[in-house]
Amino acid sequence: MEKKRIKVAIAKGRILGEVLRLMKNCGYATKTIRKNTRELVFDIDNIRVLICKPADVPKYVELGAADCGLVGSDCIAEAGCDIYEPHELPIGKCKMVLACLKNKKLKLLAGSILTIGTKYPNITKEYFAKKKISPEIVYLNGSVELAPLVGLADAIVDITETGETIKKNNLKVVDVVKEVCCKLVVNKTSQKTVGKEIRFFISSLLK
């Protein structure tokens, strides 16, 4: 019997490159995606690949535009979508950290008044709530490291892989907010209708 075609949303950027490498290693013809990066939809064997912004992947999966998705756990936690998270992949590993200027003493005491720059407001609120702090959150979608340098924020919550960008911008890591990795997320209806095909796809990547 011919396998059903599944729709897989993959986050743009570093995760896309690592997933394509895994797919290539297990026999998928990924050359087309590598050549035509401006296109967003590709059919490879029994898979339709959707190239999405990382923050959009959980929503595409929740609403059924994709049967499953591969995206960083930071985006999953921030989105708070109603989806399954059955597998973690050994790629996309990095850290979400709290960072401030090197010469600044950041006090994380209950009731502290802080302004935090981040593109992860939900995760940031949850992190500080555990410390009984209600910071003012400035939502930033890029150049987050700039915020403390120009006095826009006392500190930032952002993703770092090596910490080099933080160091180069005269910042220091104060705390690790969350460990991040790539995860498979699955639409709840698709889990019932094409669950076998999704499991075959992910198991081939994890070999």
N, C-alpha and C. Protein backbone atom coordinates (compact mmCIF):
# COMPACT_ATOMS: atom_id res chain seq x y z
N MET A 1 0.84 -1.20 0.00
CA MET A 1 0.00 0.00 0.00
C MET A 1 0.88 1.26 0.00
N GLU A 2 0.48 2.23 -0.80
CA GLU A 2 1.25 3.48 -0.88
C GLU A 2 1.09 4.28 0.41
N LYS A 3 2.21 4.79 0.90
CA LYS A 3 2.17 5.59 2.13
C LYS A 3 1.45 6.91 1.87
N LYS A 4 0.71 7.38 2.88
CA LYS A 4 0.06 8.68 2.78
C LYS A 4 1.11 9.78 2.87
N ARG A 5 0.89 10.86 2.14
CA ARG A 5 1.81 12.00 2.20
C ARG A 5 1.52 12.80 3.45
N ILE A 6 2.54 13.08 4.23
CA ILE A 6 2.39 13.90 5.43
C ILE A 6 3.00 15.28 5.21
N LYS A 7 2.42 16.26 5.88
CA LYS A 7 2.90 17.64 5.79
C LYS A 7 3.75 17.94 7.02
N VAL A 8 5.01 18.28 6.77
CA VAL A 8 5.96 18.52 7.85
C VAL A 8 6.43 19.98 7.81
N ALA A 9 6.14 20.73 8.84
CA ALA A 9 6.60 22.12 8.94
C ALA A 9 7.98 22.11 9.61
N ILE A 10 8.95 22.75 8.97
CA ILE A 10 10.31 22.80 9.52
C ILE A 10 10.71 24.25 9.72
N ALA A 11 11.27 24.54 10.88
CA ALA A 11 11.67 25.91 11.21
C ALA A 11 12.84 26.35 10.34
N LYS A 12 12.73 27.57 9.80
CA LYS A 12 13.83 28.15 9.03
C LYS A 12 15.06 28.32 9.91
N GLY A 13 16.21 28.47 9.27
CA GLY A 13 17.44 28.76 10.01
C GLY A 13 18.25 27.51 10.30
N ARG A 14 18.90 27.51 11.46
CA ARG A 14 19.84 26.44 11.80
C ARG A 14 19.17 25.08 11.86
N ILE A 15 17.95 25.02 12.41
CA ILE A 15 17.26 23.74 12.52
C ILE A 15 16.97 23.17 11.14
N LEU A 16 16.58 24.01 10.19
CA LEU A 16 16.32 23.53 8.84
C LEU A 16 17.56 22.87 8.25
N GLY A 17 18.71 23.51 8.40
CA GLY A 17 19.95 22.94 7.88
C GLY A 17 20.28 21.59 8.51
N GLU A 18 20.06 21.47 9.81
CA GLU A 18 20.38 20.21 10.50
C GLU A 18 19.38 19.12 10.15
N VAL A 19 18.10 19.49 10.00
CA VAL A 19 17.09 18.50 9.62
C VAL A 19 17.34 18.00 8.20
N LEU A 20 17.69 18.90 7.29
CA LEU A 20 17.99 18.49 5.92
C LEU A 20 19.18 17.53 5.88
N ARG A 21 20.16 17.78 6.74
CA ARG A 21 21.31 16.87 6.80
C ARG A 21 20.87 15.48 7.25
N LEU A 22 20.00 15.42 8.26
CA LEU A 22 19.50 14.12 8.73
C LEU A 22 18.68 13.43 7.64
N MET A 23 17.84 14.22 6.96
CA MET A 23 17.02 13.65 5.89
C MET A 23 17.88 13.11 4.75
N LYS A 24 18.90 13.86 4.38
CA LYS A 24 19.80 13.43 3.32
C LYS A 24 20.51 12.13 3.70
N ASN A 25 20.93 12.04 4.96
CA ASN A 25 21.64 10.85 5.43
C ASN A 25 20.78 9.59 5.39
N CYS A 26 19.45 9.78 5.49
CA CYS A 26 18.60 8.58 5.46
C CYS A 26 17.88 8.43 4.12
N GLY A 27 18.39 9.11 3.08
CA GLY A 27 17.94 8.82 1.72
C GLY A 27 16.94 9.76 1.09
N TYR A 28 16.52 10.80 1.79
CA TYR A 28 15.58 11.75 1.18
C TYR A 28 16.33 12.68 0.22
N ALA A 29 15.68 13.03 -0.89
CA ALA A 29 16.30 13.88 -1.90
C ALA A 29 16.09 15.35 -1.52
N THR A 30 17.01 15.88 -0.74
CA THR A 30 16.85 17.24 -0.20
C THR A 30 17.50 18.32 -1.08
N LYS A 31 18.10 17.92 -2.20
CA LYS A 31 18.84 18.86 -3.04
C LYS A 31 17.97 20.01 -3.52
N THR A 32 16.73 19.74 -3.82
CA THR A 32 15.81 20.78 -4.31
C THR A 32 15.62 21.88 -3.29
N ILE A 33 15.48 21.50 -2.03
CA ILE A 33 15.29 22.50 -0.97
C ILE A 33 16.53 23.35 -0.83
N ARG A 34 17.69 22.74 -0.91
CA ARG A 34 18.93 23.48 -0.76
C ARG A 34 19.09 24.53 -1.88
N LYS A 35 18.63 24.18 -3.09
CA LYS A 35 18.81 25.09 -4.22
C LYS A 35 17.78 26.21 -4.24
N ASN A 36 16.56 25.93 -3.81
CA ASN A 36 15.47 26.89 -3.95
C ASN A 36 14.97 27.36 -2.58
N THR A 37 15.84 28.04 -1.85
CA THR A 37 15.51 28.42 -0.48
C THR A 37 14.40 29.47 -0.40
N ARG A 38 14.11 30.18 -1.51
CA ARG A 38 13.04 31.17 -1.49
C ARG A 38 11.66 30.52 -1.57
N GLU A 39 11.60 29.31 -2.05
CA GLU A 39 10.32 28.59 -2.08
C GLU A 39 10.01 28.05 -0.69
N LEU A 40 8.73 27.87 -0.42
CA LEU A 40 8.31 27.49 0.93
C LEU A 40 7.67 26.12 1.02
N VAL A 41 7.33 25.51 -0.13
CA VAL A 41 6.67 24.20 -0.13
C VAL A 41 7.42 23.28 -1.09
N PHE A 42 7.76 22.08 -0.59
CA PHE A 42 8.51 21.11 -1.40
C PHE A 42 7.94 19.72 -1.18
N ASP A 43 7.78 18.95 -2.26
CA ASP A 43 7.35 17.56 -2.17
C ASP A 43 8.54 16.65 -2.36
N ILE A 44 8.83 15.86 -1.32
CA ILE A 44 9.96 14.93 -1.35
C ILE A 44 9.44 13.55 -0.96
N ASP A 45 9.44 12.63 -1.92
CA ASP A 45 8.92 11.28 -1.68
C ASP A 45 7.49 11.39 -1.13
N ASN A 46 7.24 10.86 0.08
CA ASN A 46 5.90 10.90 0.65
C ASN A 46 5.72 12.04 1.67
N ILE A 47 6.56 13.08 1.54
CA ILE A 47 6.51 14.18 2.50
C ILE A 47 6.34 15.51 1.77
N ARG A 48 5.46 16.34 2.28
CA ARG A 48 5.37 17.73 1.83
C ARG A 48 6.02 18.59 2.90
N VAL A 49 7.12 19.23 2.56
CA VAL A 49 7.88 20.05 3.51
C VAL A 49 7.40 21.50 3.41
N LEU A 50 7.04 22.08 4.55
CA LEU A 50 6.65 23.48 4.64
C LEU A 50 7.74 24.22 5.41
N ILE A 51 8.34 25.23 4.80
CA ILE A 51 9.39 26.00 5.47
C ILE A 51 8.74 27.19 6.15
N CYS A 52 8.84 27.25 7.47
CA CYS A 52 8.13 28.26 8.26
C CYS A 52 9.07 29.04 9.16
N LYS A 53 8.64 30.22 9.55
CA LYS A 53 9.33 30.93 10.62
C LYS A 53 9.19 30.10 11.89
N PRO A 54 10.26 29.99 12.69
CA PRO A 54 10.20 29.13 13.88
C PRO A 54 8.99 29.37 14.77
N ALA A 55 8.67 30.63 15.03
CA ALA A 55 7.56 30.94 15.94
C ALA A 55 6.22 30.49 15.39
N ASP A 56 6.13 30.28 14.06
CA ASP A 56 4.86 29.90 13.44
C ASP A 56 4.62 28.39 13.41
N VAL A 57 5.68 27.60 13.55
CA VAL A 57 5.55 26.15 13.41
C VAL A 57 4.51 25.55 14.36
N PRO A 58 4.55 25.86 15.66
CA PRO A 58 3.54 25.25 16.56
C PRO A 58 2.11 25.58 16.16
N LYS A 59 1.86 26.80 15.69
CA LYS A 59 0.51 27.20 15.29
C LYS A 59 0.07 26.49 14.02
N TYR A 60 0.97 26.34 13.04
CA TYR A 60 0.65 25.60 11.82
C TYR A 60 0.25 24.16 12.17
N VAL A 61 0.96 23.58 13.13
CA VAL A 61 0.66 22.21 13.53
C VAL A 61 -0.64 22.15 14.31
N GLU A 62 -0.84 23.04 15.25
CA GLU A 62 -2.07 23.04 16.06
C GLU A 62 -3.31 23.15 15.18
N LEU A 63 -3.26 24.03 14.16
CA LEU A 63 -4.43 24.28 13.32
C LEU A 63 -4.56 23.31 12.15
N GLY A 64 -3.61 22.38 12.03
CA GLY A 64 -3.74 21.33 11.01
C GLY A 64 -3.19 21.67 9.64
N ALA A 65 -2.57 22.84 9.48
CA ALA A 65 -1.92 23.16 8.20
C ALA A 65 -0.74 22.24 7.97
N ALA A 66 -0.17 21.72 9.06
CA ALA A 66 0.89 20.71 9.00
C ALA A 66 0.51 19.57 9.93
N ASP A 67 0.86 18.35 9.53
CA ASP A 67 0.60 17.20 10.40
C ASP A 67 1.55 17.16 11.58
N CYS A 68 2.78 17.59 11.31
CA CYS A 68 3.79 17.61 12.37
C CYS A 68 4.80 18.70 12.05
N GLY A 69 5.68 18.97 13.00
CA GLY A 69 6.67 20.02 12.78
C GLY A 69 7.94 19.75 13.53
N LEU A 70 9.02 20.35 13.08
CA LEU A 70 10.31 20.27 13.74
C LEU A 70 10.75 21.68 14.06
N VAL A 71 10.90 21.98 15.36
CA VAL A 71 11.14 23.35 15.80
C VAL A 71 11.78 23.33 17.17
N GLY A 72 12.40 24.44 17.55
CA GLY A 72 13.03 24.53 18.86
C GLY A 72 12.02 24.51 19.99
N SER A 73 12.41 23.90 21.09
CA SER A 73 11.52 23.82 22.26
C SER A 73 11.20 25.19 22.84
N ASP A 74 12.04 26.20 22.54
CA ASP A 74 11.74 27.56 22.99
C ASP A 74 10.47 28.08 22.33
N CYS A 75 10.33 27.85 21.03
CA CYS A 75 9.15 28.30 20.30
C CYS A 75 7.89 27.55 20.75
N ILE A 76 8.05 26.28 21.08
CA ILE A 76 6.92 25.49 21.55
C ILE A 76 6.42 26.03 22.89
N ALA A 77 7.36 26.27 23.80
CA ALA A 77 7.00 26.77 25.13
C ALA A 77 6.37 28.15 25.04
N GLU A 78 6.90 29.01 24.18
CA GLU A 78 6.39 30.37 24.06
C GLU A 78 4.98 30.38 23.45
N ALA A 79 4.73 29.50 22.47
CA ALA A 79 3.45 29.50 21.77
C ALA A 79 2.31 28.95 22.63
N GLY A 80 2.61 27.95 23.46
CA GLY A 80 1.58 27.37 24.32
C GLY A 80 0.44 26.71 23.54
N CYS A 81 0.74 26.11 22.40
CA CYS A 81 -0.28 25.50 21.55
C CYS A 81 -0.68 24.11 22.07
N ASP A 82 -1.85 23.66 21.65
CA ASP A 82 -2.39 22.37 22.06
C ASP A 82 -1.93 21.31 21.06
N ILE A 83 -0.72 20.79 21.27
CA ILE A 83 -0.11 19.83 20.35
C ILE A 83 0.65 18.78 21.15
N TYR A 84 0.93 17.66 20.50
CA TYR A 84 1.76 16.63 21.11
C TYR A 84 3.23 16.94 20.89
N GLU A 85 4.07 16.53 21.85
CA GLU A 85 5.53 16.67 21.73
C GLU A 85 6.17 15.30 22.00
N PRO A 86 6.04 14.36 21.08
CA PRO A 86 6.47 12.98 21.37
C PRO A 86 7.96 12.69 21.30
N HIS A 87 8.73 13.53 20.57
CA HIS A 87 10.15 13.20 20.41
C HIS A 87 11.05 14.42 20.51
N GLU A 88 12.23 14.19 21.06
CA GLU A 88 13.29 15.20 21.09
C GLU A 88 14.38 14.74 20.15
N LEU A 89 14.91 15.66 19.35
CA LEU A 89 15.98 15.31 18.41
C LEU A 89 17.33 15.80 18.93
N PRO A 90 18.40 15.11 18.60
CA PRO A 90 19.73 15.49 19.09
C PRO A 90 20.35 16.63 18.28
N ILE A 91 19.53 17.62 17.92
CA ILE A 91 20.01 18.77 17.15
C ILE A 91 19.40 20.04 17.74
N GLY A 92 19.89 21.18 17.28
CA GLY A 92 19.31 22.45 17.70
C GLY A 92 19.52 22.79 19.16
N LYS A 93 20.58 22.23 19.75
CA LYS A 93 20.78 22.45 21.19
C LYS A 93 21.41 23.81 21.45
N CYS A 94 20.80 24.54 22.36
CA CYS A 94 21.32 25.83 22.80
C CYS A 94 20.67 26.17 24.13
N LYS A 95 20.86 27.38 24.60
CA LYS A 95 20.32 27.77 25.89
C LYS A 95 19.59 29.11 25.79
N MET A 96 18.53 29.23 26.57
CA MET A 96 17.89 30.53 26.74
C MET A 96 18.43 31.09 28.05
N VAL A 97 18.99 32.30 27.99
CA VAL A 97 19.67 32.84 29.16
C VAL A 97 19.16 34.23 29.52
N LEU A 98 19.40 34.58 30.77
CA LEU A 98 19.20 35.95 31.25
C LEU A 98 20.57 36.59 31.25
N ALA A 99 20.70 37.74 30.59
CA ALA A 99 22.01 38.40 30.49
C ALA A 99 21.86 39.90 30.71
N CYS A 100 22.93 40.50 31.24
CA CYS A 100 22.95 41.95 31.46
C CYS A 100 24.36 42.47 31.18
N LEU A 101 24.57 43.78 31.32
CA LEU A 101 25.89 44.36 31.11
C LEU A 101 26.90 43.75 32.07
N LYS A 102 28.14 43.59 31.60
CA LYS A 102 29.18 42.96 32.41
C LYS A 102 29.40 43.65 33.74
N ASN A 103 29.31 44.97 33.75
CA ASN A 103 29.61 45.71 34.98
C ASN A 103 28.37 45.97 35.84
N LYS A 104 27.25 45.33 35.49
CA LYS A 104 26.00 45.56 36.23
C LYS A 104 25.74 44.42 37.22
N LYS A 105 25.30 44.76 38.42
CA LYS A 105 24.88 43.76 39.40
C LYS A 105 23.37 43.66 39.34
N LEU A 106 22.89 42.57 38.79
CA LEU A 106 21.45 42.39 38.62
C LEU A 106 20.88 41.68 39.85
N LYS A 107 20.00 42.36 40.57
CA LYS A 107 19.41 41.79 41.78
C LYS A 107 18.10 41.09 41.45
N LEU A 108 18.07 39.81 41.73
CA LEU A 108 16.88 39.01 41.45
C LEU A 108 16.16 38.68 42.75
N LEU A 109 15.82 39.71 43.50
CA LEU A 109 15.12 39.56 44.77
C LEU A 109 13.63 39.76 44.56
N ALA A 110 12.81 39.11 45.38
CA ALA A 110 11.36 39.27 45.29
C ALA A 110 11.00 40.75 45.32
N GLY A 111 10.17 41.15 44.36
CA GLY A 111 9.73 42.53 44.30
C GLY A 111 10.66 43.47 43.57
N SER A 112 11.78 42.96 43.06
CA SER A 112 12.72 43.82 42.32
C SER A 112 12.03 44.46 41.11
N ILE A 113 12.41 45.70 40.83
CA ILE A 113 11.85 46.40 39.67
C ILE A 113 12.85 46.29 38.52
N LEU A 114 12.45 45.58 37.47
CA LEU A 114 13.34 45.32 36.34
C LEU A 114 12.61 45.52 35.01
N THR A 115 13.37 45.91 34.00
CA THR A 115 12.86 45.96 32.64
C THR A 115 13.66 44.95 31.82
N ILE A 116 12.94 44.04 31.16
CA ILE A 116 13.59 42.94 30.43
C ILE A 116 13.23 43.01 28.96
N GLY A 117 14.24 43.00 28.10
CA GLY A 117 14.03 42.95 26.65
C GLY A 117 14.06 41.51 26.17
N THR A 118 13.07 41.10 25.38
CA THR A 118 13.02 39.71 24.93
C THR A 118 12.00 39.53 23.81
N LYS A 119 12.15 38.46 23.04
CA LYS A 119 11.09 38.06 22.11
C LYS A 119 10.34 36.85 22.65
N TYR A 120 10.58 36.55 23.94
CA TYR A 120 9.91 35.43 24.61
C TYR A 120 9.18 35.94 25.86
N PRO A 121 8.14 36.77 25.70
CA PRO A 121 7.47 37.34 26.87
C PRO A 121 6.82 36.32 27.79
N ASN A 122 6.23 35.27 27.23
CA ASN A 122 5.54 34.28 28.07
C ASN A 122 6.53 33.49 28.92
N ILE A 123 7.61 33.03 28.30
CA ILE A 123 8.63 32.29 29.05
C ILE A 123 9.28 33.20 30.10
N THR A 124 9.51 34.45 29.72
CA THR A 124 10.14 35.41 30.64
C THR A 124 9.25 35.67 31.86
N LYS A 125 7.96 35.85 31.63
CA LYS A 125 7.03 36.07 32.75
C LYS A 125 7.02 34.88 33.69
N GLU A 126 6.99 33.67 33.11
CA GLU A 126 6.97 32.45 33.92
C GLU A 126 8.25 32.32 34.74
N TYR A 127 9.39 32.63 34.12
CA TYR A 127 10.68 32.54 34.82
C TYR A 127 10.71 33.49 36.02
N PHE A 128 10.34 34.74 35.80
CA PHE A 128 10.40 35.72 36.87
C PHE A 128 9.31 35.53 37.92
N ALA A 129 8.18 34.95 37.52
CA ALA A 129 7.11 34.69 38.49
C ALA A 129 7.59 33.74 39.59
N LYS A 130 8.44 32.79 39.21
CA LYS A 130 8.99 31.85 40.20
C LYS A 130 9.88 32.56 41.22
N LYS A 131 10.41 33.72 40.83
CA LYS A 131 11.25 34.51 41.72
C LYS A 131 10.45 35.64 42.39
N LYS A 132 9.13 35.63 42.16
CA LYS A 132 8.23 36.64 42.71
C LYS A 132 8.62 38.05 42.26
N ILE A 133 8.95 38.13 40.97
CA ILE A 133 9.28 39.41 40.34
C ILE A 133 8.33 39.60 39.15
N SER A 134 7.81 40.81 39.02
CA SER A 134 6.94 41.14 37.87
C SER A 134 7.62 42.21 37.04
N PRO A 135 8.49 41.82 36.12
CA PRO A 135 9.25 42.81 35.35
C PRO A 135 8.39 43.50 34.29
N GLU A 136 8.82 44.66 33.89
CA GLU A 136 8.27 45.28 32.68
C GLU A 136 8.97 44.61 31.51
N ILE A 137 8.19 44.08 30.59
CA ILE A 137 8.77 43.35 29.46
C ILE A 137 8.66 44.17 28.19
N VAL A 138 9.80 44.39 27.56
CA VAL A 138 9.84 45.09 26.28
C VAL A 138 10.00 44.03 25.19
N TYR A 139 8.97 43.89 24.34
CA TYR A 139 9.03 42.87 23.29
C TYR A 139 9.93 43.35 22.16
N LEU A 140 10.93 42.54 21.84
CA LEU A 140 11.87 42.84 20.75
C LEU A 140 11.97 41.63 19.85
N ASN A 141 11.98 41.85 18.55
CA ASN A 141 12.03 40.73 17.61
C ASN A 141 13.37 40.57 16.93
N GLY A 142 14.35 41.38 17.33
CA GLY A 142 15.69 41.28 16.75
C GLY A 142 16.63 42.23 17.46
N SER A 143 17.94 41.96 17.33
CA SER A 143 18.97 42.78 18.00
C SER A 143 18.66 42.96 19.48
N VAL A 144 18.28 41.88 20.13
CA VAL A 144 17.90 41.94 21.55
C VAL A 144 19.07 42.39 22.41
N GLU A 145 20.30 42.01 22.02
CA GLU A 145 21.48 42.37 22.81
C GLU A 145 21.70 43.87 22.90
N LEU A 146 21.10 44.61 21.98
CA LEU A 146 21.27 46.06 21.97
C LEU A 146 20.55 46.74 23.14
N ALA A 147 19.49 46.13 23.63
CA ALA A 147 18.63 46.78 24.64
C ALA A 147 19.38 47.25 25.89
N PRO A 148 20.22 46.41 26.52
CA PRO A 148 20.95 46.89 27.70
C PRO A 148 22.00 47.95 27.35
N LEU A 149 22.54 47.88 26.15
CA LEU A 149 23.61 48.80 25.74
C LEU A 149 23.11 50.24 25.61
N VAL A 150 21.85 50.40 25.26
CA VAL A 150 21.30 51.75 25.08
C VAL A 150 20.34 52.15 26.21
N GLY A 151 20.28 51.33 27.25
CA GLY A 151 19.45 51.67 28.40
C GLY A 151 17.98 51.37 28.24
N LEU A 152 17.62 50.60 27.22
CA LEU A 152 16.22 50.25 27.02
C LEU A 152 15.75 49.19 28.02
N ALA A 153 16.68 48.37 28.49
CA ALA A 153 16.33 47.30 29.42
C ALA A 153 17.48 47.06 30.38
N ASP A 154 17.14 46.56 31.56
CA ASP A 154 18.16 46.19 32.55
C ASP A 154 18.87 44.91 32.14
N ALA A 155 18.12 44.05 31.47
CA ALA A 155 18.66 42.75 31.06
C ALA A 155 17.84 42.20 29.91
N ILE A 156 18.29 41.09 29.35
CA ILE A 156 17.57 40.44 28.25
C ILE A 156 17.39 38.96 28.54
N VAL A 157 16.39 38.37 27.92
CA VAL A 157 16.23 36.92 27.89
C VAL A 157 16.28 36.54 26.42
N ASP A 158 17.29 35.73 26.06
CA ASP A 158 17.49 35.40 24.65
C ASP A 158 18.20 34.06 24.51
N ILE A 159 18.21 33.58 23.28
CA ILE A 159 18.85 32.31 22.95
C ILE A 159 20.33 32.52 22.64
N THR A 160 21.16 31.61 23.12
CA THR A 160 22.58 31.63 22.76
C THR A 160 23.07 30.20 22.56
N GLU A 161 23.92 30.03 21.55
CA GLU A 161 24.49 28.70 21.29
C GLU A 161 25.88 28.59 21.92
N THR A 162 26.72 29.58 21.69
CA THR A 162 28.09 29.56 22.21
C THR A 162 28.36 30.66 23.22
N GLY A 163 27.49 31.68 23.26
CA GLY A 163 27.71 32.81 24.16
C GLY A 163 28.57 33.90 23.56
N GLU A 164 29.06 33.69 22.34
CA GLU A 164 29.97 34.66 21.73
C GLU A 164 29.31 36.01 21.46
N THR A 165 28.08 35.99 20.97
CA THR A 165 27.38 37.26 20.69
C THR A 165 27.17 38.05 21.96
N ILE A 166 26.85 37.36 23.03
CA ILE A 166 26.66 38.03 24.32
C ILE A 166 27.97 38.67 24.78
N LYS A 167 29.06 37.93 24.69
CA LYS A 167 30.36 38.46 25.11
C LYS A 167 30.80 39.64 24.26
N LYS A 168 30.59 39.53 22.96
CA LYS A 168 31.02 40.59 22.05
C LYS A 168 30.26 41.89 22.25
N ASN A 169 29.09 41.80 22.88
CA ASN A 169 28.29 42.99 23.14
C ASN A 169 28.39 43.44 24.60
N ASN A 170 29.51 43.06 25.24
CA ASN A 170 29.80 43.51 26.61
C ASN A 170 28.72 43.09 27.61
N LEU A 171 28.17 41.89 27.39
CA LEU A 171 27.15 41.35 28.30
C LEU A 171 27.68 40.10 28.99
N LYS A 172 27.00 39.70 30.04
CA LYS A 172 27.36 38.47 30.76
C LYS A 172 26.08 37.68 31.04
N VAL A 173 26.22 36.37 31.11
CA VAL A 173 25.10 35.50 31.44
C VAL A 173 24.90 35.48 32.95
N VAL A 174 23.70 35.79 33.37
CA VAL A 174 23.36 35.80 34.80
C VAL A 174 22.76 34.46 35.23
N ASP A 175 21.94 33.87 34.35
CA ASP A 175 21.28 32.61 34.69
C ASP A 175 20.82 31.92 33.41
N VAL A 176 20.69 30.60 33.48
CA VAL A 176 20.11 29.84 32.37
C VAL A 176 18.62 29.70 32.63
N VAL A 177 17.83 30.26 31.74
CA VAL A 177 16.37 30.22 31.89
C VAL A 177 15.82 28.87 31.47
N LYS A 178 16.34 28.33 30.35
CA LYS A 178 15.81 27.08 29.82
C LYS A 178 16.81 26.45 28.86
N GLU A 179 16.96 25.12 28.93
CA GLU A 179 17.72 24.39 27.92
C GLU A 179 16.82 24.21 26.70
N VAL A 180 17.40 24.37 25.52
CA VAL A 180 16.60 24.33 24.29
C VAL A 180 17.13 23.24 23.35
N CYS A 181 16.21 22.56 22.67
CA CYS A 181 16.58 21.57 21.67
C CYS A 181 15.49 21.52 20.62
N CYS A 182 15.72 20.78 19.55
CA CYS A 182 14.72 20.59 18.51
C CYS A 182 13.76 19.48 18.94
N LYS A 183 12.47 19.70 18.73
CA LYS A 183 11.47 18.69 19.05
C LYS A 183 10.53 18.46 17.88
N LEU A 184 9.99 17.26 17.84
CA LEU A 184 8.90 16.96 16.93
C LEU A 184 7.60 17.32 17.62
N VAL A 185 6.74 18.08 16.94
CA VAL A 185 5.40 18.35 17.46
C VAL A 185 4.39 17.80 16.47
N VAL A 186 3.26 17.32 16.99
CA VAL A 186 2.29 16.60 16.16
C VAL A 186 0.87 17.13 16.40
N ASN A 187 0.14 17.33 15.33
CA ASN A 187 -1.26 17.70 15.42
C ASN A 187 -2.06 16.53 16.00
N LYS A 188 -3.00 16.83 16.88
CA LYS A 188 -3.71 15.77 17.60
C LYS A 188 -4.57 14.91 16.68
N THR A 189 -5.16 15.51 15.67
CA THR A 189 -5.94 14.72 14.71
C THR A 189 -5.04 13.89 13.81
N SER A 190 -3.94 14.49 13.37
CA SER A 190 -2.99 13.78 12.51
C SER A 190 -2.37 12.59 13.21
N GLN A 191 -2.24 12.68 14.53
CA GLN A 191 -1.69 11.57 15.31
C GLN A 191 -2.55 10.32 15.10
N LYS A 192 -3.85 10.53 14.91
CA LYS A 192 -4.76 9.40 14.72
C LYS A 192 -4.82 8.96 13.26
N THR A 193 -4.75 9.92 12.33
CA THR A 193 -4.96 9.59 10.91
C THR A 193 -3.68 9.20 10.16
N VAL A 194 -2.57 9.86 10.49
CA VAL A 194 -1.30 9.54 9.82
C VAL A 194 -0.17 9.31 10.84
N GLY A 195 -0.54 8.84 12.00
CA GLY A 195 0.45 8.60 13.04
C GLY A 195 1.53 7.62 12.63
N LYS A 196 1.15 6.60 11.88
CA LYS A 196 2.11 5.59 11.44
C LYS A 196 3.16 6.23 10.53
N GLU A 197 2.71 7.08 9.61
CA GLU A 197 3.62 7.74 8.67
C GLU A 197 4.54 8.73 9.39
N ILE A 198 3.99 9.42 10.38
CA ILE A 198 4.81 10.36 11.16
C ILE A 198 5.88 9.61 11.93
N ARG A 199 5.50 8.49 12.54
CA ARG A 199 6.46 7.69 13.30
C ARG A 199 7.55 7.13 12.41
N PHE A 200 7.19 6.72 11.20
CA PHE A 200 8.19 6.21 10.25
C PHE A 200 9.18 7.31 9.89
N PHE A 201 8.66 8.50 9.62
CA PHE A 201 9.52 9.63 9.25
C PHE A 201 10.50 9.98 10.37
N ILE A 202 9.99 10.11 11.58
CA ILE A 202 10.87 10.55 12.67
C ILE A 202 11.84 9.45 13.06
N SER A 203 11.41 8.19 12.99
CA SER A 203 12.31 7.09 13.34
C SER A 203 13.47 7.00 12.34
N SER A 204 13.19 7.35 11.07
CA SER A 204 14.26 7.33 10.08
C SER A 204 15.29 8.42 10.36
N LEU A 205 14.85 9.55 10.89
CA LEU A 205 15.77 10.63 11.23
C LEU A 205 16.60 10.31 12.46
N LEU A 206 16.05 9.51 13.37
CA LEU A 206 16.70 9.23 14.64
C LEU A 206 17.62 8.01 14.59
N LYS A 207 17.71 7.35 13.43
CA LYS A 207 18.56 6.15 13.31
C LYS A 207 20.03 6.54 13.45
